């Protein structure tokens, strides 16, 4: 399954907190420091 099609990922892409660059899905640079706020959303999602 393509990871960008997960609802949690779509939510953070819409918020510009995640981005796709080439073959990679990553946290946007401006949100690296607060990455834990993103990561915890994938626990028991």
ModelCIF file with pLDDT and N, C-alpha, C, O atoms, coordinates in Angstrom:
data_MODEL
#
_entry.id   MODEL 
#
_entity.id                         1 
_entity.type                       polymer 
_entity.pdbx_number_of_molecules   1 
#
_entity_poly.entity_id                      1 
_entity_poly.type                           'polypeptide(L)' 
_entity_poly.nstd_linkage                   no 
_entity_poly.nstd_monomer                   no 
_entity_poly.pdbx_seq_one_letter_code       
;(UNK)(UNK)(UNK)(UNK)(UNK)(UNK)(UNK)(UNK)(UNK)(UNK)(UNK)(UNK)(UNK)(UNK)(UNK)(UNK)
(UNK)(UNK)(UNK)(UNK)(UNK)(UNK)(UNK)(UNK)(UNK)(UNK)(UNK)(UNK)(UNK)(UNK)(UNK)(UNK)
(UNK)(UNK)(UNK)(UNK)(UNK)(UNK)(UNK)(UNK)(UNK)(UNK)(UNK)(UNK)(UNK)
;
_entity_poly.pdbx_seq_one_letter_code_can   XXXXXXXXXXXXXXXXXXXXXXXXXXXXXXXXXXXXXXXXXXXXX 
_entity_poly.pdbx_strand_id                 A 
#
loop_
_entity_poly_seq.entity_id 
_entity_poly_seq.num 
_entity_poly_seq.mon_id 
_entity_poly_seq.hetero 
1 1  UNK n 
1 2  UNK n 
1 3  UNK n 
1 4  UNK n 
1 5  UNK n 
1 6  UNK n 
1 7  UNK n 
1 8  UNK n 
1 9  UNK n 
1 10 UNK n 
1 11 UNK n 
1 12 UNK n 
1 13 UNK n 
1 14 UNK n 
1 15 UNK n 
1 16 UNK n 
1 17 UNK n 
1 18 UNK n 
1 19 UNK n 
1 20 UNK n 
1 21 UNK n 
1 22 UNK n 
1 23 UNK n 
1 24 UNK n 
1 25 UNK n 
1 26 UNK n 
1 27 UNK n 
1 28 UNK n 
1 29 UNK n 
1 30 UNK n 
1 31 UNK n 
1 32 UNK n 
1 33 UNK n 
1 34 UNK n 
1 35 UNK n 
1 36 UNK n 
1 37 UNK n 
1 38 UNK n 
1 39 UNK n 
1 40 UNK n 
1 41 UNK n 
1 42 UNK n 
1 43 UNK n 
1 44 UNK n 
1 45 UNK n 
#
_struct_asym.id          A 
_struct_asym.entity_id   1 
#
loop_
_ma_qa_metric.id 
_ma_qa_metric.mode 
_ma_qa_metric.name 
_ma_qa_metric.software_group_id 
_ma_qa_metric.type 
1 global pLDDT . pLDDT 
2 local  pLDDT . pLDDT 
#
_ma_qa_metric_global.metric_id      1 
_ma_qa_metric_global.metric_value   91.56 
_ma_qa_metric_global.model_id       1 
_ma_qa_metric_global.ordinal_id     1 
#
loop_
_ma_qa_metric_local.label_asym_id 
_ma_qa_metric_local.label_comp_id 
_ma_qa_metric_local.label_seq_id 
_ma_qa_metric_local.metric_id 
_ma_qa_metric_local.metric_value 
_ma_qa_metric_local.model_id 
_ma_qa_metric_local.ordinal_id 
A UNK 1  2 93.00 1 1  
A UNK 2  2 95.00 1 2  
A UNK 3  2 95.00 1 3  
A UNK 4  2 94.00 1 4  
A UNK 5  2 92.00 1 5  
A UNK 6  2 93.00 1 6  
A UNK 7  2 92.00 1 7  
A UNK 8  2 92.00 1 8  
A UNK 9  2 95.00 1 9  
A UNK 10 2 94.00 1 10 
A UNK 11 2 93.00 1 11 
A UNK 12 2 95.00 1 12 
A UNK 13 2 95.00 1 13 
A UNK 14 2 95.00 1 14 
A UNK 15 2 94.00 1 15 
A UNK 16 2 95.00 1 16 
A UNK 17 2 95.00 1 17 
A UNK 18 2 96.00 1 18 
A UNK 19 2 97.00 1 19 
A UNK 20 2 97.00 1 20 
A UNK 21 2 96.00 1 21 
A UNK 22 2 96.00 1 22 
A UNK 23 2 97.00 1 23 
A UNK 24 2 97.00 1 24 
A UNK 25 2 97.00 1 25 
A UNK 26 2 97.00 1 26 
A UNK 27 2 96.00 1 27 
A UNK 28 2 96.00 1 28 
A UNK 29 2 91.00 1 29 
A UNK 30 2 91.00 1 30 
A UNK 31 2 93.00 1 31 
A UNK 32 2 91.00 1 32 
A UNK 33 2 88.00 1 33 
A UNK 34 2 86.00 1 34 
A UNK 35 2 89.00 1 35 
A UNK 36 2 86.00 1 36 
A UNK 37 2 86.00 1 37 
A UNK 38 2 91.00 1 38 
A UNK 39 2 90.00 1 39 
A UNK 40 2 88.00 1 40 
A UNK 41 2 88.00 1 41 
A UNK 42 2 87.00 1 42 
A UNK 43 2 81.00 1 43 
A UNK 44 2 69.00 1 44 
A UNK 45 2 66.00 1 45 
#
loop_
_atom_site.group_PDB 
_atom_site.id 
_atom_site.type_symbol 
_atom_site.label_atom_id 
_atom_site.label_alt_id 
_atom_site.label_comp_id 
_atom_site.label_asym_id 
_atom_site.label_entity_id 
_atom_site.label_seq_id 
_atom_site.pdbx_PDB_ins_code 
_atom_site.Cartn_x 
_atom_site.Cartn_y 
_atom_site.Cartn_z 
_atom_site.occupancy 
_atom_site.B_iso_or_equiv 
_atom_site.pdbx_formal_charge 
_atom_site.auth_seq_id 
_atom_site.auth_comp_id 
_atom_site.auth_asym_id 
_atom_site.auth_atom_id 
_atom_site.pdbx_PDB_model_num 
ATOM 1   N N  . UNK A 1 1  ? 0.838  -1.186 0.000  1.00 93.00 ? 1  UNK A N  1 
ATOM 2   C CA . UNK A 1 1  ? 0.000  0.000  0.000  1.00 93.00 ? 1  UNK A CA 1 
ATOM 3   C C  . UNK A 1 1  ? 0.879  1.244  0.000  1.00 93.00 ? 1  UNK A C  1 
ATOM 4   O O  . UNK A 1 1  ? 1.914  1.288  0.665  1.00 93.00 ? 1  UNK A O  1 
ATOM 5   N N  . UNK A 1 2  ? 0.451  2.257  -0.758 1.00 95.00 ? 2  UNK A N  1 
ATOM 6   C CA . UNK A 1 2  ? 1.177  3.524  -0.798 1.00 95.00 ? 2  UNK A CA 1 
ATOM 7   C C  . UNK A 1 2  ? 0.960  4.283  0.515  1.00 95.00 ? 2  UNK A C  1 
ATOM 8   O O  . UNK A 1 2  ? -0.187 4.516  0.896  1.00 95.00 ? 2  UNK A O  1 
ATOM 9   N N  . UNK A 1 3  ? 2.029  4.676  1.213  1.00 95.00 ? 3  UNK A N  1 
ATOM 10  C CA . UNK A 1 3  ? 1.857  5.310  2.530  1.00 95.00 ? 3  UNK A CA 1 
ATOM 11  C C  . UNK A 1 3  ? 1.118  6.646  2.481  1.00 95.00 ? 3  UNK A C  1 
ATOM 12  O O  . UNK A 1 3  ? 0.534  7.060  3.482  1.00 95.00 ? 3  UNK A O  1 
ATOM 13  N N  . UNK A 1 4  ? 1.133  7.320  1.343  1.00 94.00 ? 4  UNK A N  1 
ATOM 14  C CA . UNK A 1 4  ? 0.483  8.630  1.309  1.00 94.00 ? 4  UNK A CA 1 
ATOM 15  C C  . UNK A 1 4  ? -1.041 8.512  1.291  1.00 94.00 ? 4  UNK A C  1 
ATOM 16  O O  . UNK A 1 4  ? -1.746 9.514  1.410  1.00 94.00 ? 4  UNK A O  1 
ATOM 17  N N  . UNK A 1 5  ? -1.553 7.267  1.139  1.00 92.00 ? 5  UNK A N  1 
ATOM 18  C CA . UNK A 1 5  ? -2.996 7.080  1.104  1.00 92.00 ? 5  UNK A CA 1 
ATOM 19  C C  . UNK A 1 5  ? -3.596 6.753  2.473  1.00 92.00 ? 5  UNK A C  1 
ATOM 20  O O  . UNK A 1 5  ? -4.800 6.521  2.586  1.00 92.00 ? 5  UNK A O  1 
ATOM 21  N N  . UNK A 1 6  ? -2.759 6.733  3.510  1.00 93.00 ? 6  UNK A N  1 
ATOM 22  C CA . UNK A 1 6  ? -3.292 6.544  4.858  1.00 93.00 ? 6  UNK A CA 1 
ATOM 23  C C  . UNK A 1 6  ? -3.942 7.851  5.315  1.00 93.00 ? 6  UNK A C  1 
ATOM 24  O O  . UNK A 1 6  ? -3.435 8.938  5.038  1.00 93.00 ? 6  UNK A O  1 
ATOM 25  N N  . UNK A 1 7  ? -5.070 7.731  6.017  1.00 92.00 ? 7  UNK A N  1 
ATOM 26  C CA . UNK A 1 7  ? -5.807 8.931  6.437  1.00 92.00 ? 7  UNK A CA 1 
ATOM 27  C C  . UNK A 1 7  ? -4.969 9.850  7.321  1.00 92.00 ? 7  UNK A C  1 
ATOM 28  O O  . UNK A 1 7  ? -5.019 11.072 7.184  1.00 92.00 ? 7  UNK A O  1 
ATOM 29  N N  . UNK A 1 8  ? -4.197 9.250  8.233  1.00 92.00 ? 8  UNK A N  1 
ATOM 30  C CA . UNK A 1 8  ? -3.355 10.061 9.129  1.00 92.00 ? 8  UNK A CA 1 
ATOM 31  C C  . UNK A 1 8  ? -2.320 10.830 8.325  1.00 92.00 ? 8  UNK A C  1 
ATOM 32  O O  . UNK A 1 8  ? -2.048 11.995 8.615  1.00 92.00 ? 8  UNK A O  1 
ATOM 33  N N  . UNK A 1 9  ? -1.736 10.180 7.308  1.00 95.00 ? 9  UNK A N  1 
ATOM 34  C CA . UNK A 1 9  ? -0.747 10.845 6.445  1.00 95.00 ? 9  UNK A CA 1 
ATOM 35  C C  . UNK A 1 9  ? -1.415 11.957 5.652  1.00 95.00 ? 9  UNK A C  1 
ATOM 36  O O  . UNK A 1 9  ? -0.887 13.066 5.565  1.00 95.00 ? 9  UNK A O  1 
ATOM 37  N N  . UNK A 1 10 ? -2.558 11.669 5.083  1.00 94.00 ? 10 UNK A N  1 
ATOM 38  C CA . UNK A 1 10 ? -3.276 12.692 4.307  1.00 94.00 ? 10 UNK A CA 1 
ATOM 39  C C  . UNK A 1 10 ? -3.568 13.919 5.155  1.00 94.00 ? 10 UNK A C  1 
ATOM 40  O O  . UNK A 1 10 ? -3.456 15.052 4.685  1.00 94.00 ? 10 UNK A O  1 
ATOM 41  N N  . UNK A 1 11 ? -3.946 13.685 6.412  1.00 93.00 ? 11 UNK A N  1 
ATOM 42  C CA . UNK A 1 11 ? -4.245 14.793 7.332  1.00 93.00 ? 11 UNK A CA 1 
ATOM 43  C C  . UNK A 1 11 ? -3.023 15.692 7.501  1.00 93.00 ? 11 UNK A C  1 
ATOM 44  O O  . UNK A 1 11 ? -3.133 16.915 7.426  1.00 93.00 ? 11 UNK A O  1 
ATOM 45  N N  . UNK A 1 12 ? -1.847 15.079 7.732  1.00 95.00 ? 12 UNK A N  1 
ATOM 46  C CA . UNK A 1 12 ? -0.648 15.882 7.971  1.00 95.00 ? 12 UNK A CA 1 
ATOM 47  C C  . UNK A 1 12 ? -0.100 16.505 6.685  1.00 95.00 ? 12 UNK A C  1 
ATOM 48  O O  . UNK A 1 12 ? 0.546  17.552 6.727  1.00 95.00 ? 12 UNK A O  1 
ATOM 49  N N  . UNK A 1 13 ? -0.356 15.865 5.548  1.00 95.00 ? 13 UNK A N  1 
ATOM 50  C CA . UNK A 1 13 ? 0.018  16.492 4.270  1.00 95.00 ? 13 UNK A CA 1 
ATOM 51  C C  . UNK A 1 13 ? -0.832 17.745 4.049  1.00 95.00 ? 13 UNK A C  1 
ATOM 52  O O  . UNK A 1 13 ? -0.318 18.776 3.614  1.00 95.00 ? 13 UNK A O  1 
ATOM 53  N N  . UNK A 1 14 ? -2.111 17.659 4.344  1.00 95.00 ? 14 UNK A N  1 
ATOM 54  C CA . UNK A 1 14 ? -3.002 18.823 4.219  1.00 95.00 ? 14 UNK A CA 1 
ATOM 55  C C  . UNK A 1 14 ? -2.568 19.961 5.133  1.00 95.00 ? 14 UNK A C  1 
ATOM 56  O O  . UNK A 1 14 ? -2.743 21.133 4.800  1.00 95.00 ? 14 UNK A O  1 
ATOM 57  N N  . UNK A 1 15 ? -2.003 19.613 6.282  1.00 94.00 ? 15 UNK A N  1 
ATOM 58  C CA . UNK A 1 15 ? -1.527 20.620 7.237  1.00 94.00 ? 15 UNK A CA 1 
ATOM 59  C C  . UNK A 1 15 ? -0.116 21.109 6.898  1.00 94.00 ? 15 UNK A C  1 
ATOM 60  O O  . UNK A 1 15 ? 0.445  21.945 7.607  1.00 94.00 ? 15 UNK A O  1 
ATOM 61  N N  . UNK A 1 16 ? 0.459  20.573 5.796  1.00 95.00 ? 16 UNK A N  1 
ATOM 62  C CA . UNK A 1 16 ? 1.826  20.891 5.370  1.00 95.00 ? 16 UNK A CA 1 
ATOM 63  C C  . UNK A 1 16 ? 2.880  20.460 6.389  1.00 95.00 ? 16 UNK A C  1 
ATOM 64  O O  . UNK A 1 16 ? 3.994  20.984 6.397  1.00 95.00 ? 16 UNK A O  1 
ATOM 65  N N  . UNK A 1 17 ? 2.522  19.501 7.247  1.00 95.00 ? 17 UNK A N  1 
ATOM 66  C CA . UNK A 1 17 ? 3.465  18.984 8.230  1.00 95.00 ? 17 UNK A CA 1 
ATOM 67  C C  . UNK A 1 17 ? 4.218  17.773 7.685  1.00 95.00 ? 17 UNK A C  1 
ATOM 68  O O  . UNK A 1 17 ? 5.311  17.457 8.155  1.00 95.00 ? 17 UNK A O  1 
ATOM 69  N N  . UNK A 1 18 ? 3.642  17.103 6.705  1.00 96.00 ? 18 UNK A N  1 
ATOM 70  C CA . UNK A 1 18 ? 4.312  16.058 5.938  1.00 96.00 ? 18 UNK A CA 1 
ATOM 71  C C  . UNK A 1 18 ? 4.353  16.482 4.485  1.00 96.00 ? 18 UNK A C  1 
ATOM 72  O O  . UNK A 1 18 ? 3.495  17.231 4.018  1.00 96.00 ? 18 UNK A O  1 
ATOM 73  N N  . UNK A 1 19 ? 5.367  15.993 3.771  1.00 97.00 ? 19 UNK A N  1 
ATOM 74  C CA . UNK A 1 19 ? 5.493  16.336 2.357  1.00 97.00 ? 19 UNK A CA 1 
ATOM 75  C C  . UNK A 1 19 ? 6.091  15.157 1.595  1.00 97.00 ? 19 UNK A C  1 
ATOM 76  O O  . UNK A 1 19 ? 6.766  14.303 2.170  1.00 97.00 ? 19 UNK A O  1 
ATOM 77  N N  . UNK A 1 20 ? 5.830  15.129 0.299  1.00 97.00 ? 20 UNK A N  1 
ATOM 78  C CA . UNK A 1 20 ? 6.406  14.122 -0.582 1.00 97.00 ? 20 UNK A CA 1 
ATOM 79  C C  . UNK A 1 20 ? 7.483  14.789 -1.425 1.00 97.00 ? 20 UNK A C  1 
ATOM 80  O O  . UNK A 1 20 ? 7.247  15.809 -2.072 1.00 97.00 ? 20 UNK A O  1 
ATOM 81  N N  . UNK A 1 21 ? 8.672  14.191 -1.403 1.00 96.00 ? 21 UNK A N  1 
ATOM 82  C CA . UNK A 1 21 ? 9.760  14.680 -2.243 1.00 96.00 ? 21 UNK A CA 1 
ATOM 83  C C  . UNK A 1 21 ? 10.367 13.491 -2.957 1.00 96.00 ? 21 UNK A C  1 
ATOM 84  O O  . UNK A 1 21 ? 11.036 12.662 -2.338 1.00 96.00 ? 21 UNK A O  1 
ATOM 85  N N  . UNK A 1 22 ? 10.133 13.403 -4.275 1.00 96.00 ? 22 UNK A N  1 
ATOM 86  C CA . UNK A 1 22 ? 10.595 12.249 -5.032 1.00 96.00 ? 22 UNK A CA 1 
ATOM 87  C C  . UNK A 1 22 ? 9.931  10.987 -4.526 1.00 96.00 ? 22 UNK A C  1 
ATOM 88  O O  . UNK A 1 22 ? 8.704  10.894 -4.483 1.00 96.00 ? 22 UNK A O  1 
ATOM 89  N N  . UNK A 1 23 ? 10.757 10.000 -4.137 1.00 97.00 ? 23 UNK A N  1 
ATOM 90  C CA . UNK A 1 23 ? 10.235 8.715  -3.666 1.00 97.00 ? 23 UNK A CA 1 
ATOM 91  C C  . UNK A 1 23 ? 10.015 8.713  -2.148 1.00 97.00 ? 23 UNK A C  1 
ATOM 92  O O  . UNK A 1 23 ? 9.682  7.677  -1.572 1.00 97.00 ? 23 UNK A O  1 
ATOM 93  N N  . UNK A 1 24 ? 10.198 9.860  -1.506 1.00 97.00 ? 24 UNK A N  1 
ATOM 94  C CA . UNK A 1 24 ? 10.178 9.875  -0.045 1.00 97.00 ? 24 UNK A CA 1 
ATOM 95  C C  . UNK A 1 24 ? 9.036  10.706 0.538  1.00 97.00 ? 24 UNK A C  1 
ATOM 96  O O  . UNK A 1 24 ? 8.716  11.794 0.058  1.00 97.00 ? 24 UNK A O  1 
ATOM 97  N N  . UNK A 1 25 ? 8.446  10.157 1.577  1.00 97.00 ? 25 UNK A N  1 
ATOM 98  C CA . UNK A 1 25 ? 7.455  10.851 2.397  1.00 97.00 ? 25 UNK A CA 1 
ATOM 99  C C  . UNK A 1 25 ? 8.167  11.248 3.679  1.00 97.00 ? 25 UNK A C  1 
ATOM 100 O O  . UNK A 1 25 ? 8.730  10.394 4.364  1.00 97.00 ? 25 UNK A O  1 
ATOM 101 N N  . UNK A 1 26 ? 8.150  12.539 4.013  1.00 97.00 ? 26 UNK A N  1 
ATOM 102 C CA . UNK A 1 26 ? 8.947  12.993 5.154  1.00 97.00 ? 26 UNK A CA 1 
ATOM 103 C C  . UNK A 1 26 ? 8.240  14.117 5.908  1.00 97.00 ? 26 UNK A C  1 
ATOM 104 O O  . UNK A 1 26 ? 7.279  14.714 5.425  1.00 97.00 ? 26 UNK A O  1 
ATOM 105 N N  . UNK A 1 27 ? 8.754  14.382 7.111  1.00 96.00 ? 27 UNK A N  1 
ATOM 106 C CA . UNK A 1 27 ? 8.270  15.513 7.886  1.00 96.00 ? 27 UNK A CA 1 
ATOM 107 C C  . UNK A 1 27 ? 8.838  16.792 7.275  1.00 96.00 ? 27 UNK A C  1 
ATOM 108 O O  . UNK A 1 27 ? 10.029 16.866 6.974  1.00 96.00 ? 27 UNK A O  1 
ATOM 109 N N  . UNK A 1 28 ? 7.990  17.790 7.094  1.00 96.00 ? 28 UNK A N  1 
ATOM 110 C CA . UNK A 1 28 ? 8.447  19.066 6.547  1.00 96.00 ? 28 UNK A CA 1 
ATOM 111 C C  . UNK A 1 28 ? 9.473  19.687 7.493  1.00 96.00 ? 28 UNK A C  1 
ATOM 112 O O  . UNK A 1 28 ? 9.348  19.567 8.712  1.00 96.00 ? 28 UNK A O  1 
ATOM 113 N N  . UNK A 1 29 ? 10.479 20.346 6.936  1.00 91.00 ? 29 UNK A N  1 
ATOM 114 C CA . UNK A 1 29 ? 11.606 20.854 7.712  1.00 91.00 ? 29 UNK A CA 1 
ATOM 115 C C  . UNK A 1 29 ? 11.170 21.718 8.889  1.00 91.00 ? 29 UNK A C  1 
ATOM 116 O O  . UNK A 1 29 ? 11.756 21.623 9.967  1.00 91.00 ? 29 UNK A O  1 
ATOM 117 N N  . UNK A 1 30 ? 10.162 22.550 8.707  1.00 91.00 ? 30 UNK A N  1 
ATOM 118 C CA . UNK A 1 30 ? 9.742  23.462 9.779  1.00 91.00 ? 30 UNK A CA 1 
ATOM 119 C C  . UNK A 1 30 ? 9.126  22.733 10.973 1.00 91.00 ? 30 UNK A C  1 
ATOM 120 O O  . UNK A 1 30 ? 8.904  23.333 12.025 1.00 91.00 ? 30 UNK A O  1 
ATOM 121 N N  . UNK A 1 31 ? 8.850  21.438 10.807 1.00 93.00 ? 31 UNK A N  1 
ATOM 122 C CA . UNK A 1 31 ? 8.190  20.695 11.883 1.00 93.00 ? 31 UNK A CA 1 
ATOM 123 C C  . UNK A 1 31 ? 9.067  19.583 12.468 1.00 93.00 ? 31 UNK A C  1 
ATOM 124 O O  . UNK A 1 31 ? 8.601  18.789 13.285 1.00 93.00 ? 31 UNK A O  1 
ATOM 125 N N  . UNK A 1 32 ? 10.339 19.525 12.047 1.00 91.00 ? 32 UNK A N  1 
ATOM 126 C CA . UNK A 1 32 ? 11.238 18.483 12.556 1.00 91.00 ? 32 UNK A CA 1 
ATOM 127 C C  . UNK A 1 32 ? 11.359 18.548 14.067 1.00 91.00 ? 32 UNK A C  1 
ATOM 128 O O  . UNK A 1 32 ? 11.315 17.518 14.739 1.00 91.00 ? 32 UNK A O  1 
ATOM 129 N N  . UNK A 1 33 ? 11.512 19.757 14.609 1.00 88.00 ? 33 UNK A N  1 
ATOM 130 C CA . UNK A 1 33 ? 11.735 19.889 16.050 1.00 88.00 ? 33 UNK A CA 1 
ATOM 131 C C  . UNK A 1 33 ? 10.545 19.365 16.859 1.00 88.00 ? 33 UNK A C  1 
ATOM 132 O O  . UNK A 1 33 ? 10.725 18.809 17.942 1.00 88.00 ? 33 UNK A O  1 
ATOM 133 N N  . UNK A 1 34 ? 9.347  19.540 16.338 1.00 86.00 ? 34 UNK A N  1 
ATOM 134 C CA . UNK A 1 34 ? 8.152  19.076 17.060 1.00 86.00 ? 34 UNK A CA 1 
ATOM 135 C C  . UNK A 1 34 ? 7.638  17.770 16.460 1.00 86.00 ? 34 UNK A C  1 
ATOM 136 O O  . UNK A 1 34 ? 6.438  17.496 16.482 1.00 86.00 ? 34 UNK A O  1 
ATOM 137 N N  . UNK A 1 35 ? 8.546  16.979 15.931 1.00 89.00 ? 35 UNK A N  1 
ATOM 138 C CA . UNK A 1 35 ? 8.152  15.743 15.248 1.00 89.00 ? 35 UNK A CA 1 
ATOM 139 C C  . UNK A 1 35 ? 7.370  14.793 16.142 1.00 89.00 ? 35 UNK A C  1 
ATOM 140 O O  . UNK A 1 35 ? 6.528  14.040 15.654 1.00 89.00 ? 35 UNK A O  1 
ATOM 141 N N  . UNK A 1 36 ? 7.638  14.817 17.450 1.00 86.00 ? 36 UNK A N  1 
ATOM 142 C CA . UNK A 1 36 ? 6.915  13.906 18.343 1.00 86.00 ? 36 UNK A CA 1 
ATOM 143 C C  . UNK A 1 36 ? 5.416  14.115 18.276 1.00 86.00 ? 36 UNK A C  1 
ATOM 144 O O  . UNK A 1 36 ? 4.650  13.167 18.446 1.00 86.00 ? 36 UNK A O  1 
ATOM 145 N N  . UNK A 1 37 ? 4.989  15.346 18.031 1.00 86.00 ? 37 UNK A N  1 
ATOM 146 C CA . UNK A 1 37 ? 3.557  15.623 17.914 1.00 86.00 ? 37 UNK A CA 1 
ATOM 147 C C  . UNK A 1 37 ? 2.952  14.895 16.717 1.00 86.00 ? 37 UNK A C  1 
ATOM 148 O O  . UNK A 1 37 ? 1.771  14.545 16.715 1.00 86.00 ? 37 UNK A O  1 
ATOM 149 N N  . UNK A 1 38 ? 3.779  14.675 15.706 1.00 91.00 ? 38 UNK A N  1 
ATOM 150 C CA . UNK A 1 38 ? 3.324  13.921 14.535 1.00 91.00 ? 38 UNK A CA 1 
ATOM 151 C C  . UNK A 1 38 ? 3.421  12.426 14.809 1.00 91.00 ? 38 UNK A C  1 
ATOM 152 O O  . UNK A 1 38 ? 2.491  11.674 14.514 1.00 91.00 ? 38 UNK A O  1 
ATOM 153 N N  . UNK A 1 39 ? 4.546  11.996 15.373 1.00 90.00 ? 39 UNK A N  1 
ATOM 154 C CA . UNK A 1 39 ? 4.798  10.569 15.560 1.00 90.00 ? 39 UNK A CA 1 
ATOM 155 C C  . UNK A 1 39 ? 3.761  9.913  16.470 1.00 90.00 ? 39 UNK A C  1 
ATOM 156 O O  . UNK A 1 39 ? 3.322  8.794  16.207 1.00 90.00 ? 39 UNK A O  1 
ATOM 157 N N  . UNK A 1 40 ? 3.369  10.611 17.543 1.00 88.00 ? 40 UNK A N  1 
ATOM 158 C CA . UNK A 1 40 ? 2.415  9.991  18.476 1.00 88.00 ? 40 UNK A CA 1 
ATOM 159 C C  . UNK A 1 40 ? 1.059  9.746  17.822 1.00 88.00 ? 40 UNK A C  1 
ATOM 160 O O  . UNK A 1 40 ? 0.278  8.920  18.294 1.00 88.00 ? 40 UNK A O  1 
ATOM 161 N N  . UNK A 1 41 ? 0.783  10.459 16.744 1.00 88.00 ? 41 UNK A N  1 
ATOM 162 C CA . UNK A 1 41 ? -0.497 10.266 16.051 1.00 88.00 ? 41 UNK A CA 1 
ATOM 163 C C  . UNK A 1 41 ? -0.576 8.919  15.351 1.00 88.00 ? 41 UNK A C  1 
ATOM 164 O O  . UNK A 1 41 ? -1.661 8.468  14.986 1.00 88.00 ? 41 UNK A O  1 
ATOM 165 N N  . UNK A 1 42 ? 0.576  8.272  15.161 1.00 87.00 ? 42 UNK A N  1 
ATOM 166 C CA . UNK A 1 42 ? 0.596  6.961  14.509 1.00 87.00 ? 42 UNK A CA 1 
ATOM 167 C C  . UNK A 1 42 ? 0.542  5.815  15.508 1.00 87.00 ? 42 UNK A C  1 
ATOM 168 O O  . UNK A 1 42 ? 0.507  4.652  15.107 1.00 87.00 ? 42 UNK A O  1 
ATOM 169 N N  . UNK A 1 43 ? 0.535  6.125  16.808 1.00 81.00 ? 43 UNK A N  1 
ATOM 170 C CA . UNK A 1 43 ? 0.413  5.092  17.831 1.00 81.00 ? 43 UNK A CA 1 
ATOM 171 C C  . UNK A 1 43 ? -1.071 4.765  18.020 1.00 81.00 ? 43 UNK A C  1 
ATOM 172 O O  . UNK A 1 43 ? -1.875 5.627  18.374 1.00 81.00 ? 43 UNK A O  1 
ATOM 173 N N  . UNK A 1 44 ? -1.406 3.507  17.775 1.00 69.00 ? 44 UNK A N  1 
ATOM 174 C CA . UNK A 1 44 ? -2.806 3.072  17.909 1.00 69.00 ? 44 UNK A CA 1 
ATOM 175 C C  . UNK A 1 44 ? -3.765 3.924  17.077 1.00 69.00 ? 44 UNK A C  1 
ATOM 176 O O  . UNK A 1 44 ? -4.901 4.164  17.485 1.00 69.00 ? 44 UNK A O  1 
ATOM 177 N N  . UNK A 1 45 ? -3.304 4.381  15.906 1.00 66.00 ? 45 UNK A N  1 
ATOM 178 C CA . UNK A 1 45 ? -4.177 5.190  15.070 1.00 66.00 ? 45 UNK A CA 1 
ATOM 179 C C  . UNK A 1 45 ? -5.261 4.316  14.448 1.00 66.00 ? 45 UNK A C  1 
ATOM 180 O O  . UNK A 1 45 ? -6.105 4.815  13.703 1.00 66.00 ? 45 UNK A O  1 
#
